[in-house]
Amino acid sequence: MNEPLLEGMVQTDRDRGENLLRAGNTNCGGCGMSVGLLMLGRAAADRPIQLVIPACCGIVTAGPFPASAYGAPVVASTFASAAAVGAGLAHVARLNGEPTRVVCWAGDGGTYDIGMATLSAAAERDDDVLYICYDNEIYGNTGGQRSSATPQGAATTTTPHGKVGEKKDILAIMAAHRVPYAATLSLAHPEDMLRKMREALELRGFRFLHLLSPCPTGWKSEPADGLELVRLAVRSGLYLVYEVFGGSHVRLNVEPELSEPALERYFALQGRFKRSKVDLRQVREGIRAQLEELRRRL
């Protein structure tokens, strides 16, 4: 039987003729980015899209020219300029009267850090760009160095004993730009993820989506545990699933259980936290504080 997937939201007449991420790509097994790209292809359906991908694992995915592992046109930008390049492509599409939707697909290094200037500028101008950050919490393509998305206590090649300092709250930063739409995505909640991607593709102006993207190589976890890690992060409240409209109206999409066993298992399944001995009491306090702050904005 070929039953409809995701409550009938896919396997329709409008689905793409080929996957956005083609078979035979070189991505690591268990890569959260791969799942995210497949979901983006589902969300785009038969809509024409252009991808802008800066220096990151995502652009290595494409493979050597002239072949490509992507089923859509891709512009490879410099590390810092994805949002600026995307803004230019969006303006050209508008001037030509084309229905093409421009999507920036970037890692946390090119979003939180190196690409922040052009990202902030495009958001402030309200350029017609959908910017998706797949966040594996490290510079995954250059050896696994820490980024400002790296959580406290995580070991990286530049923080071998665990990072000092908390992870940057990128969604709060983007919401502060008062963009039309900003949201977090959970790979463990595909229906919610697909809905948000479709809504973001429909809207005009600057939209920002944040995807927690497990990286077995950098997280020192089993490839088969990727979705389970996201599920545990959501259950424990470590990763809140919500959306922000116009920078002010907040909607919590998945109520966290604040499960202590889920939080403990999340850290236990990842080798990157073993050396630092994360203080779970401090983590729980941080989760509650973040959730209370979010609830005040509901």
C-alpha atoms as a PDB file:
ATOM      1  CA  MET A   1       0.000   0.000   0.000  1.00  0.00           C
ATOM      2  CA  ASN A   2       1.142   3.532  -0.753  1.00  0.00           C
ATOM      3  CA  GLU A   3      -0.540   5.354   2.100  1.00  0.00           C
ATOM      4  CA  PRO A   4      -0.403   9.165   2.187  1.00  0.00           C
ATOM      5  CA  LEU A   5       2.460  10.462   4.319  1.00  0.00           C
ATOM      6  CA  LEU A   6       2.205  13.157   6.961  1.00  0.00           C
ATOM      7  CA  GLU A   7      -1.585  13.038   7.241  1.00  0.00           C
ATOM      8  CA  GLY A   8      -1.992  13.360   3.483  1.00  0.00           C
ATOM      9  CA  MET A   9       0.058  16.551   3.170  1.00  0.00           C
ATOM     10  CA  VAL A  10       2.475  14.853   0.738  1.00  0.00           C
ATOM     11  CA  GLN A  11       2.156  12.319  -2.070  1.00  0.00           C
ATOM     12  CA  THR A  12      -0.151  14.616  -3.981  1.00  0.00           C
ATOM     13  CA  ASP A  13      -0.308  15.702  -7.616  1.00  0.00           C
ATOM     14  CA  ARG A  14       1.716  18.811  -6.713  1.00  0.00           C
ATOM     15  CA  ASP A  15       4.740  16.961  -5.323  1.00  0.00           C
ATOM     16  CA  ARG A  16       8.109  17.529  -6.977  1.00  0.00           C
ATOM     17  CA  GLY A  17       9.108  15.194  -9.763  1.00  0.00           C
ATOM     18  CA  GLU A  18      12.427  14.574  -8.019  1.00  0.00           C
ATOM     19  CA  ASN A  19      13.725  15.122  -4.517  1.00  0.00           C
ATOM     20  CA  LEU A  20      15.350  18.418  -3.669  1.00  0.00           C
ATOM     21  CA  LEU A  21      18.197  16.323  -2.223  1.00  0.00           C
ATOM     22  CA  ARG A  22      19.053  13.714  -4.814  1.00  0.00           C
ATOM     23  CA  ALA A  23      19.980  10.141  -4.050  1.00  0.00           C
ATOM     24  CA  GLY A  24      23.691   9.364  -4.020  1.00  0.00           C
ATOM     25  CA  ASN A  25      24.716  12.547  -2.190  1.00  0.00           C
ATOM     26  CA  THR A  26      27.760  12.420   0.086  1.00  0.00           C
ATOM     27  CA  ASN A  27      26.140  13.610   3.323  1.00  0.00           C
ATOM     28  CA  CYS A  28      27.029  11.700   6.486  1.00  0.00           C
ATOM     29  CA  GLY A  29      24.596   9.064   7.701  1.00  0.00           C
ATOM     30  CA  GLY A  30      22.168  10.465  10.252  1.00  0.00           C
ATOM     31  CA  CYS A  31      22.714  14.082   9.158  1.00  0.00           C
ATOM     32  CA  GLY A  32      19.789  16.244  10.274  1.00  0.00           C
ATOM     33  CA  MET A  33      20.417  18.586   7.356  1.00  0.00           C
ATOM     34  CA  SER A  34      19.552  15.788   4.925  1.00  0.00           C
ATOM     35  CA  VAL A  35      16.156  15.249   6.539  1.00  0.00           C
ATOM     36  CA  GLY A  36      15.545  18.997   6.548  1.00  0.00           C
ATOM     37  CA  LEU A  37      16.293  19.262   2.824  1.00  0.00           C
ATOM     38  CA  LEU A  38      13.923  16.406   2.041  1.00  0.00           C
ATOM     39  CA  MET A  39      11.194  18.153   4.034  1.00  0.00           C
ATOM     40  CA  LEU A  40      11.879  21.447   2.273  1.00  0.00           C
ATOM     41  CA  GLY A  41      11.418  19.675  -1.043  1.00  0.00           C
ATOM     42  CA  ARG A  42       8.082  18.336   0.182  1.00  0.00           C
ATOM     43  CA  ALA A  43       7.008  21.797   1.299  1.00  0.00           C
ATOM     44  CA  ALA A  44       8.014  23.463  -1.966  1.00  0.00           C
ATOM     45  CA  ALA A  45       6.144  20.816  -3.998  1.00  0.00           C
ATOM     46  CA  ASP A  46       6.042  21.968  -7.629  1.00  0.00           C
ATOM     47  CA  ARG A  47       6.896  25.577  -6.760  1.00  0.00           C
ATOM     48  CA  PRO A  48      10.098  26.843  -8.438  1.00  0.00           C
ATOM     49  CA  ILE A  49      12.783  27.655  -5.884  1.00  0.00           C
ATOM     50  CA  GLN A  50      16.382  28.840  -5.929  1.00  0.00           C
ATOM     51  CA  LEU A  51      18.818  27.940  -3.175  1.00  0.00           C
ATOM     52  CA  VAL A  52      21.627  30.130  -1.864  1.00  0.00           C
ATOM     53  CA  ILE A  53      24.115  28.147   0.206  1.00  0.00           C
ATOM     54  CA  PRO A  54      27.220  29.683   1.802  1.00  0.00           C
ATOM     55  CA  ALA A  55      30.358  27.831   2.837  1.00  0.00           C
ATOM     56  CA  CYS A  56      29.059  24.977   5.001  1.00  0.00           C
ATOM     57  CA  CYS A  57      28.334  21.255   4.818  1.00  0.00           C
ATOM     58  CA  GLY A  58      25.328  22.107   2.662  1.00  0.00           C
ATOM     59  CA  ILE A  59      27.409  23.398  -0.233  1.00  0.00           C
ATOM     60  CA  VAL A  60      29.772  20.416  -0.088  1.00  0.00           C
ATOM     61  CA  THR A  61      26.625  18.330  -0.565  1.00  0.00           C
ATOM     62  CA  ALA A  62      26.249  19.663  -4.108  1.00  0.00           C
ATOM     63  CA  GLY A  63      29.375  17.828  -5.238  1.00  0.00           C
ATOM     64  CA  PRO A  64      31.819  18.798  -8.005  1.00  0.00           C
ATOM     65  CA  PHE A  65      30.707  20.928 -10.942  1.00  0.00           C
ATOM     66  CA  PRO A  66      29.012  20.326 -13.377  1.00  0.00           C
ATOM     67  CA  ALA A  67      27.003  17.689 -11.509  1.00  0.00           C
ATOM     68  CA  SER A  68      24.814  18.534  -8.503  1.00  0.00           C
ATOM     69  CA  ALA A  69      23.143  16.584  -5.718  1.00  0.00           C
ATOM     70  CA  TYR A  70      20.405  19.238  -5.616  1.00  0.00           C
ATOM     71  CA  GLY A  71      17.222  19.130  -7.645  1.00  0.00           C
ATOM     72  CA  ALA A  72      17.043  22.946  -7.870  1.00  0.00           C
ATOM     73  CA  PRO A  73      19.336  25.794  -8.990  1.00  0.00           C
ATOM     74  CA  VAL A  74      21.963  26.617  -6.360  1.00  0.00           C
ATOM     75  CA  VAL A  75      24.173  29.671  -5.928  1.00  0.00           C
ATOM     76  CA  ALA A  76      27.263  29.018  -3.797  1.00  0.00           C
ATOM     77  CA  SER A  77      27.945  32.207  -1.855  1.00  0.00           C
ATOM     78  CA  THR A  78      30.791  33.243   0.390  1.00  0.00           C
ATOM     79  CA  PHE A  79      30.458  32.466   4.089  1.00  0.00           C
ATOM     80  CA  ALA A  80      29.228  35.946   4.978  1.00  0.00           C
ATOM     81  CA  SER A  81      26.962  36.843   2.072  1.00  0.00           C
ATOM     82  CA  ALA A  82      24.142  34.294   1.727  1.00  0.00           C
ATOM     83  CA  ALA A  83      21.379  36.719   2.755  1.00  0.00           C
ATOM     84  CA  ALA A  84      22.743  39.488   0.489  1.00  0.00           C
ATOM     85  CA  VAL A  85      22.935  37.146  -2.504  1.00  0.00           C
ATOM     86  CA  GLY A  86      19.451  35.857  -1.742  1.00  0.00           C
ATOM     87  CA  ALA A  87      18.112  39.416  -1.615  1.00  0.00           C
ATOM     88  CA  GLY A  88      19.573  40.109  -5.059  1.00  0.00           C
ATOM     89  CA  LEU A  89      18.042  36.982  -6.560  1.00  0.00           C
ATOM     90  CA  ALA A  90      14.667  37.799  -5.019  1.00  0.00           C
ATOM     91  CA  HIS A  91      14.703  41.302  -6.519  1.00  0.00           C
ATOM     92  CA  VAL A  92      15.562  39.909  -9.954  1.00  0.00           C
ATOM     93  CA  ALA A  93      12.727  37.385  -9.727  1.00  0.00           C
ATOM     94  CA  ARG A  94      10.316  40.181  -8.791  1.00  0.00           C
ATOM     95  CA  LEU A  95      11.477  42.433 -11.642  1.00  0.00           C
ATOM     96  CA  ASN A  96      11.064  39.555 -14.094  1.00  0.00           C
ATOM     97  CA  GLY A  97       7.613  38.687 -12.758  1.00  0.00           C
ATOM     98  CA  GLU A  98       8.775  35.167 -11.849  1.00  0.00           C
ATOM     99  CA  PRO A  99       7.110  33.064  -9.125  1.00  0.00           C
ATOM    100  CA  THR A 100      10.481  31.728  -7.943  1.00  0.00           C
ATOM    101  CA  ARG A 101      10.972  31.642  -4.181  1.00  0.00           C
ATOM    102  CA  VAL A 102      14.516  32.242  -2.941  1.00  0.00           C
ATOM    103  CA  VAL A 103      15.692  30.131  -0.019  1.00  0.00           C
ATOM    104  CA  CYS A 104      18.955  30.633   1.870  1.00  0.00           C
ATOM    105  CA  TRP A 105      20.102  27.355   3.407  1.00  0.00           C
ATOM    106  CA  ALA A 106      22.928  27.974   5.876  1.00  0.00           C
ATOM    107  CA  GLY A 107      24.605  26.429   8.887  1.00  0.00           C
ATOM    108  CA  ASP A 108      25.003  28.071  12.266  1.00  0.00           C
ATOM    109  CA  GLY A 109      28.502  29.356  11.454  1.00  0.00           C
ATOM    110  CA  GLY A 110      27.214  31.284   8.463  1.00  0.00           C
ATOM    111  CA  THR A 111      24.148  32.472  10.390  1.00  0.00           C
ATOM    112  CA  TYR A 112      24.963  33.125  14.039  1.00  0.00           C
ATOM    113  CA  ASP A 113      28.508  34.317  13.376  1.00  0.00           C
ATOM    114  CA  ILE A 114      30.083  35.076  10.001  1.00  0.00           C
ATOM    115  CA  GLY A 115      26.839  35.798   8.166  1.00  0.00           C
ATOM    116  CA  MET A 116      25.129  37.870  10.880  1.00  0.00           C
ATOM    117  CA  ALA A 117      25.790  41.255   9.230  1.00  0.00           C
ATOM    118  CA  THR A 118      24.108  40.443   5.910  1.00  0.00           C
ATOM    119  CA  LEU A 119      21.418  38.404   7.681  1.00  0.00           C
ATOM    120  CA  SER A 120      20.492  41.332   9.913  1.00  0.00           C
ATOM    121  CA  ALA A 121      20.568  43.757   6.985  1.00  0.00           C
ATOM    122  CA  ALA A 122      18.256  41.596   4.841  1.00  0.00           C
ATOM    123  CA  ALA A 123      15.862  41.202   7.769  1.00  0.00           C
ATOM    124  CA  GLU A 124      15.853  44.945   8.468  1.00  0.00           C
ATOM    125  CA  ARG A 125      15.077  45.657   4.789  1.00  0.00           C
ATOM    126  CA  ASP A 126      12.389  42.965   4.839  1.00  0.00           C
ATOM    127  CA  ASP A 127      13.818  41.397   1.678  1.00  0.00           C
ATOM    128  CA  ASP A 128      11.644  38.686   0.161  1.00  0.00           C
ATOM    129  CA  VAL A 129      13.858  35.813   1.284  1.00  0.00           C
ATOM    130  CA  LEU A 130      13.236  32.642   3.259  1.00  0.00           C
ATOM    131  CA  TYR A 131      16.328  32.027   5.393  1.00  0.00           C
ATOM    132  CA  ILE A 132      16.669  28.574   6.958  1.00  0.00           C
ATOM    133  CA  CYS A 133      19.434  27.874   9.438  1.00  0.00           C
ATOM    134  CA  TYR A 134      20.218  24.205   9.938  1.00  0.00           C
ATOM    135  CA  ASP A 135      21.932  24.380  13.300  1.00  0.00           C
ATOM    136  CA  ASN A 136      24.348  21.547  14.103  1.00  0.00           C
ATOM    137  CA  GLU A 137      25.886  23.725  16.818  1.00  0.00           C
ATOM    138  CA  ILE A 138      29.439  23.642  15.411  1.00  0.00           C
ATOM    139  CA  TYR A 139      31.467  24.583  12.349  1.00  0.00           C
ATOM    140  CA  GLY A 140      30.857  21.104  11.004  1.00  0.00           C
ATOM    141  CA  ASN A 141      32.532  21.494   7.618  1.00  0.00           C
ATOM    142  CA  THR A 142      35.898  22.769   8.880  1.00  0.00           C
ATOM    143  CA  GLY A 143      36.712  20.368  11.676  1.00  0.00           C
ATOM    144  CA  GLY A 144      34.056  20.906  14.322  1.00  0.00           C
ATOM    145  CA  GLN A 145      35.080  24.187  15.944  1.00  0.00           C
ATOM    146  CA  ARG A 146      32.771  25.952  18.382  1.00  0.00           C
ATOM    147  CA  SER A 147      30.313  28.557  17.129  1.00  0.00           C
ATOM    148  CA  SER A 148      28.090  30.887  19.106  1.00  0.00           C
ATOM    149  CA  ALA A 149      25.390  28.248  18.586  1.00  0.00           C
ATOM    150  CA  THR A 150      27.419  25.674  20.522  1.00  0.00           C
ATOM    151  CA  PRO A 151      25.711  24.901  23.846  1.00  0.00           C
ATOM    152  CA  GLN A 152      27.455  25.294  27.155  1.00  0.00           C
ATOM    153  CA  GLY A 153      29.602  22.296  28.055  1.00  0.00           C
ATOM    154  CA  ALA A 154      29.882  20.845  24.556  1.00  0.00           C
ATOM    155  CA  ALA A 155      33.359  19.711  23.564  1.00  0.00           C
ATOM    156  CA  THR A 156      34.599  20.877  20.159  1.00  0.00           C
ATOM    157  CA  THR A 157      38.022  21.004  18.519  1.00  0.00           C
ATOM    158  CA  THR A 158      38.512  24.508  19.933  1.00  0.00           C
ATOM    159  CA  THR A 159      36.812  23.833  23.296  1.00  0.00           C
ATOM    160  CA  PRO A 160      38.095  20.334  24.124  1.00  0.00           C
ATOM    161  CA  HIS A 161      37.009  20.592  27.770  1.00  0.00           C
ATOM    162  CA  GLY A 162      33.580  22.034  26.975  1.00  0.00           C
ATOM    163  CA  LYS A 163      32.391  25.424  25.837  1.00  0.00           C
ATOM    164  CA  VAL A 164      32.081  28.174  28.431  1.00  0.00           C
ATOM    165  CA  GLY A 165      29.043  30.391  27.947  1.00  0.00           C
ATOM    166  CA  GLU A 166      25.490  29.825  26.788  1.00  0.00           C
ATOM    167  CA  LYS A 167      24.184  29.409  23.252  1.00  0.00           C
ATOM    168  CA  LYS A 168      23.047  32.533  21.416  1.00  0.00           C
ATOM    169  CA  ASP A 169      19.241  32.916  21.155  1.00  0.00           C
ATOM    170  CA  ILE A 170      19.051  33.401  17.398  1.00  0.00           C
ATOM    171  CA  LEU A 171      15.260  33.332  17.142  1.00  0.00           C
ATOM    172  CA  ALA A 172      14.912  36.153  19.673  1.00  0.00           C
ATOM    173  CA  ILE A 173      17.422  38.165  17.652  1.00  0.00           C
ATOM    174  CA  MET A 174      15.508  37.633  14.422  1.00  0.00           C
ATOM    175  CA  ALA A 175      12.146  38.336  16.058  1.00  0.00           C
ATOM    176  CA  ALA A 176      13.599  41.622  17.321  1.00  0.00           C
ATOM    177  CA  HIS A 177      13.906  42.650  13.665  1.00  0.00           C
ATOM    178  CA  ARG A 178      10.078  42.418  13.524  1.00  0.00           C
ATOM    179  CA  VAL A 179      10.207  40.169  10.467  1.00  0.00           C
ATOM    180  CA  PRO A 180       6.865  38.793   9.232  1.00  0.00           C
ATOM    181  CA  TYR A 181       7.606  35.253  10.362  1.00  0.00           C
ATOM    182  CA  ALA A 182      10.177  33.401  12.467  1.00  0.00           C
ATOM    183  CA  ALA A 183       9.891  29.871  13.820  1.00  0.00           C
ATOM    184  CA  THR A 184      11.738  26.855  15.175  1.00  0.00           C
ATOM    185  CA  LEU A 185      11.442  23.486  13.440  1.00  0.00           C
ATOM    186  CA  SER A 186      11.551  20.025  14.992  1.00  0.00           C
ATOM    187  CA  LEU A 187      12.554  17.033  12.882  1.00  0.00           C
ATOM    188  CA  ALA A 188      10.639  14.914  15.386  1.00  0.00           C
ATOM    189  CA  HIS A 189       7.391  16.780  14.582  1.00  0.00           C
ATOM    190  CA  PRO A 190       7.204  16.532  10.776  1.00  0.00           C
ATOM    191  CA  GLU A 191       3.612  17.730  10.397  1.00  0.00           C
ATOM    192  CA  ASP A 192       4.363  20.934  12.278  1.00  0.00           C
ATOM    193  CA  MET A 193       7.620  21.344  10.363  1.00  0.00           C
ATOM    194  CA  LEU A 194       5.981  20.890   6.973  1.00  0.00           C
ATOM    195  CA  ARG A 195       3.204  23.345   7.864  1.00  0.00           C
ATOM    196  CA  LYS A 196       5.708  26.008   8.882  1.00  0.00           C
ATOM    197  CA  MET A 197       7.838  25.539   5.779  1.00  0.00           C
ATOM    198  CA  ARG A 198       4.777  25.850   3.559  1.00  0.00           C
ATOM    199  CA  GLU A 199       3.565  28.931   5.402  1.00  0.00           C
ATOM    200  CA  ALA A 200       7.010  30.524   5.133  1.00  0.00           C
ATOM    201  CA  LEU A 201       7.162  29.822   1.397  1.00  0.00           C
ATOM    202  CA  GLU A 202       3.730  31.427   0.912  1.00  0.00           C
ATOM    203  CA  LEU A 203       4.504  34.615   2.824  1.00  0.00           C
ATOM    204  CA  ARG A 204       6.275  37.652   1.390  1.00  0.00           C
ATOM    205  CA  GLY A 205       9.053  39.567   3.070  1.00  0.00           C
ATOM    206  CA  PHE A 206      11.822  38.162   5.212  1.00  0.00           C
ATOM    207  CA  ARG A 207      11.142  34.859   6.945  1.00  0.00           C
ATOM    208  CA  PHE A 208      13.469  32.930   9.239  1.00  0.00           C
ATOM    209  CA  LEU A 209      13.338  29.263  10.225  1.00  0.00           C
ATOM    210  CA  HIS A 210      15.636  27.562  12.729  1.00  0.00           C
ATOM    211  CA  LEU A 211      16.217  23.813  12.512  1.00  0.00           C
ATOM    212  CA  LEU A 212      18.065  21.865  15.217  1.00  0.00           C
ATOM    213  CA  SER A 213      20.162  19.539  13.053  1.00  0.00           C
ATOM    214  CA  PRO A 214      21.879  16.577  14.738  1.00  0.00           C
ATOM    215  CA  CYS A 215      25.434  15.936  13.558  1.00  0.00           C
ATOM    216  CA  PRO A 216      26.623  12.440  14.553  1.00  0.00           C
ATOM    217  CA  THR A 217      30.220  13.351  13.721  1.00  0.00           C
ATOM    218  CA  GLY A 218      30.346  16.485  15.850  1.00  0.00           C
ATOM    219  CA  TRP A 219      27.907  15.396  18.538  1.00  0.00           C
ATOM    220  CA  LYS A 220      29.653  12.026  18.974  1.00  0.00           C
ATOM    221  CA  SER A 221      26.302  10.262  18.714  1.00  0.00           C
ATOM    222  CA  GLU A 222      24.946   7.286  16.790  1.00  0.00           C
ATOM    223  CA  PRO A 223      23.542   8.160  13.332  1.00  0.00           C
ATOM    224  CA  ALA A 224      20.313   6.308  14.145  1.00  0.00           C
ATOM    225  CA  ASP A 225      19.723   8.480  17.234  1.00  0.00           C
ATOM    226  CA  GLY A 226      19.298  11.814  15.420  1.00  0.00           C
ATOM    227  CA  LEU A 227      15.514  12.088  15.498  1.00  0.00           C
ATOM    228  CA  GLU A 228      15.434  10.689  19.026  1.00  0.00           C
ATOM    229  CA  LEU A 229      17.842  13.412  20.173  1.00  0.00           C
ATOM    230  CA  VAL A 230      15.560  16.109  18.755  1.00  0.00           C
ATOM    231  CA  ARG A 231      12.554  14.430  20.349  1.00  0.00           C
ATOM    232  CA  LEU A 232      14.335  14.382  23.724  1.00  0.00           C
ATOM    233  CA  ALA A 233      15.347  18.028  23.350  1.00  0.00           C
ATOM    234  CA  VAL A 234      11.720  19.005  22.732  1.00  0.00           C
ATOM    235  CA  ARG A 235      10.300  16.818  25.519  1.00  0.00           C
ATOM    236  CA  SER A 236      12.767  18.202  28.049  1.00  0.00           C
ATOM    237  CA  GLY A 237      12.169  21.814  26.999  1.00  0.00           C
ATOM    238  CA  LEU A 238      15.769  22.239  25.892  1.00  0.00           C
ATOM    239  CA  TYR A 239      14.508  23.048  22.377  1.00  0.00           C
ATOM    240  CA  LEU A 240      11.254  25.010  22.300  1.00  0.00           C
ATOM    241  CA  VAL A 241       9.029  24.652  19.241  1.00  0.00           C
ATOM    242  CA  TYR A 242       7.260  27.942  18.557  1.00  0.00           C
ATOM    243  CA  GLU A 243       6.618  30.659  15.997  1.00  0.00           C
ATOM    244  CA  VAL A 244       6.642  34.459  16.085  1.00  0.00           C
ATOM    245  CA  PHE A 245       4.525  36.679  13.838  1.00  0.00           C
ATOM    246  CA  GLY A 246       5.633  40.235  13.155  1.00  0.00           C
ATOM    247  CA  GLY A 247       8.140  40.074  15.991  1.00  0.00           C
ATOM    248  CA  SER A 248       5.494  40.202  18.727  1.00  0.00           C
ATOM    249  CA  HIS A 249       2.761  37.563  18.510  1.00  0.00           C
ATOM    250  CA  VAL A 250       4.122  34.247  19.817  1.00  0.00           C
ATOM    251  CA  ARG A 251       2.536  30.809  19.474  1.00  0.00           C
ATOM    252  CA  LEU A 252       3.923  27.762  21.324  1.00  0.00           C
ATOM    253  CA  ASN A 253       3.403  24.778  19.019  1.00  0.00           C
ATOM    254  CA  VAL A 254       4.550  21.884  21.215  1.00  0.00           C
ATOM    255  CA  GLU A 255       4.049  21.951  24.976  1.00  0.00           C
ATOM    256  CA  PRO A 256       7.285  20.710  26.596  1.00  0.00           C
ATOM    257  CA  GLU A 257       6.958  17.995  29.222  1.00  0.00           C
ATOM    258  CA  LEU A 258       9.985  19.275  31.152  1.00  0.00           C
ATOM    259  CA  SER A 259      10.926  15.625  31.481  1.00  0.00           C
ATOM    260  CA  GLU A 260      14.051  15.084  33.588  1.00  0.00           C
ATOM    261  CA  PRO A 261      14.657  11.546  32.201  1.00  0.00           C
ATOM    262  CA  ALA A 262      14.482  12.977  28.661  1.00  0.00           C
ATOM    263  CA  LEU A 263      17.024  15.672  29.553  1.00  0.00           C
ATOM    264  CA  GLU A 264      19.380  13.154  31.141  1.00  0.00           C
ATOM    265  CA  ARG A 265      19.131  10.827  28.154  1.00  0.00           C
ATOM    266  CA  TYR A 266      19.731  13.698  25.710  1.00  0.00           C
ATOM    267  CA  PHE A 267      23.119  14.406  27.263  1.00  0.00           C
ATOM    268  CA  ALA A 268      23.963  10.728  27.846  1.00  0.00           C
ATOM    269  CA  LEU A 269      23.587   9.858  24.143  1.00  0.00           C
ATOM    270  CA  GLN A 270      26.214  12.413  23.086  1.00  0.00           C
ATOM    271  CA  GLY A 271      29.931  12.004  23.613  1.00  0.00           C
ATOM    272  CA  ARG A 272      30.538  15.751  23.281  1.00  0.00           C
ATOM    273  CA  PHE A 273      29.251  16.339  26.834  1.00  0.00           C
ATOM    274  CA  LYS A 274      31.061  13.510  28.624  1.00  0.00           C
ATOM    275  CA  ARG A 275      34.220  15.393  29.531  1.00  0.00           C
ATOM    276  CA  SER A 276      32.582  18.570  30.846  1.00  0.00           C
ATOM    277  CA  LYS A 277      30.056  16.894  33.172  1.00  0.00           C
ATOM    278  CA  VAL A 278      27.151  19.237  32.456  1.00  0.00           C
ATOM    279  CA  ASP A 279      25.331  20.575  35.526  1.00  0.00           C
ATOM    280  CA  LEU A 280      21.793  19.342  34.818  1.00  0.00           C
ATOM    281  CA  ARG A 281      20.367  21.392  37.673  1.00  0.00           C
ATOM    282  CA  GLN A 282      21.672  24.562  36.042  1.00  0.00           C
ATOM    283  CA  VAL A 283      20.340  23.423  32.658  1.00  0.00           C
ATOM    284  CA  ARG A 284      16.885  22.797  34.116  1.00  0.00           C
ATOM    285  CA  GLU A 285      16.854  26.254  35.669  1.00  0.00           C
ATOM    286  CA  GLY A 286      17.753  27.766  32.322  1.00  0.00           C
ATOM    287  CA  ILE A 287      14.973  25.820  30.599  1.00  0.00           C
ATOM    288  CA  ARG A 288      12.362  27.023  33.076  1.00  0.00           C
ATOM    289  CA  ALA A 289      13.546  30.623  32.781  1.00  0.00           C
ATOM    290  CA  GLN A 290      13.393  30.527  28.979  1.00  0.00           C
ATOM    291  CA  LEU A 291       9.946  28.921  29.012  1.00  0.00           C
ATOM    292  CA  GLU A 292       8.609  31.491  31.489  1.00  0.00           C
ATOM    293  CA  GLU A 293       9.964  34.307  29.330  1.00  0.00           C
ATOM    294  CA  LEU A 294       8.287  32.796  26.262  1.00  0.00           C
ATOM    295  CA  ARG A 295       4.969  32.351  28.084  1.00  0.00           C
ATOM    296  CA  ARG A 296       4.979  36.046  29.019  1.00  0.00           C
ATOM    297  CA  ARG A 297       4.948  36.827  25.310  1.00  0.00           C
ATOM    298  CA  LEU A 298       2.064  34.492  24.413  1.00  0.00           C
END
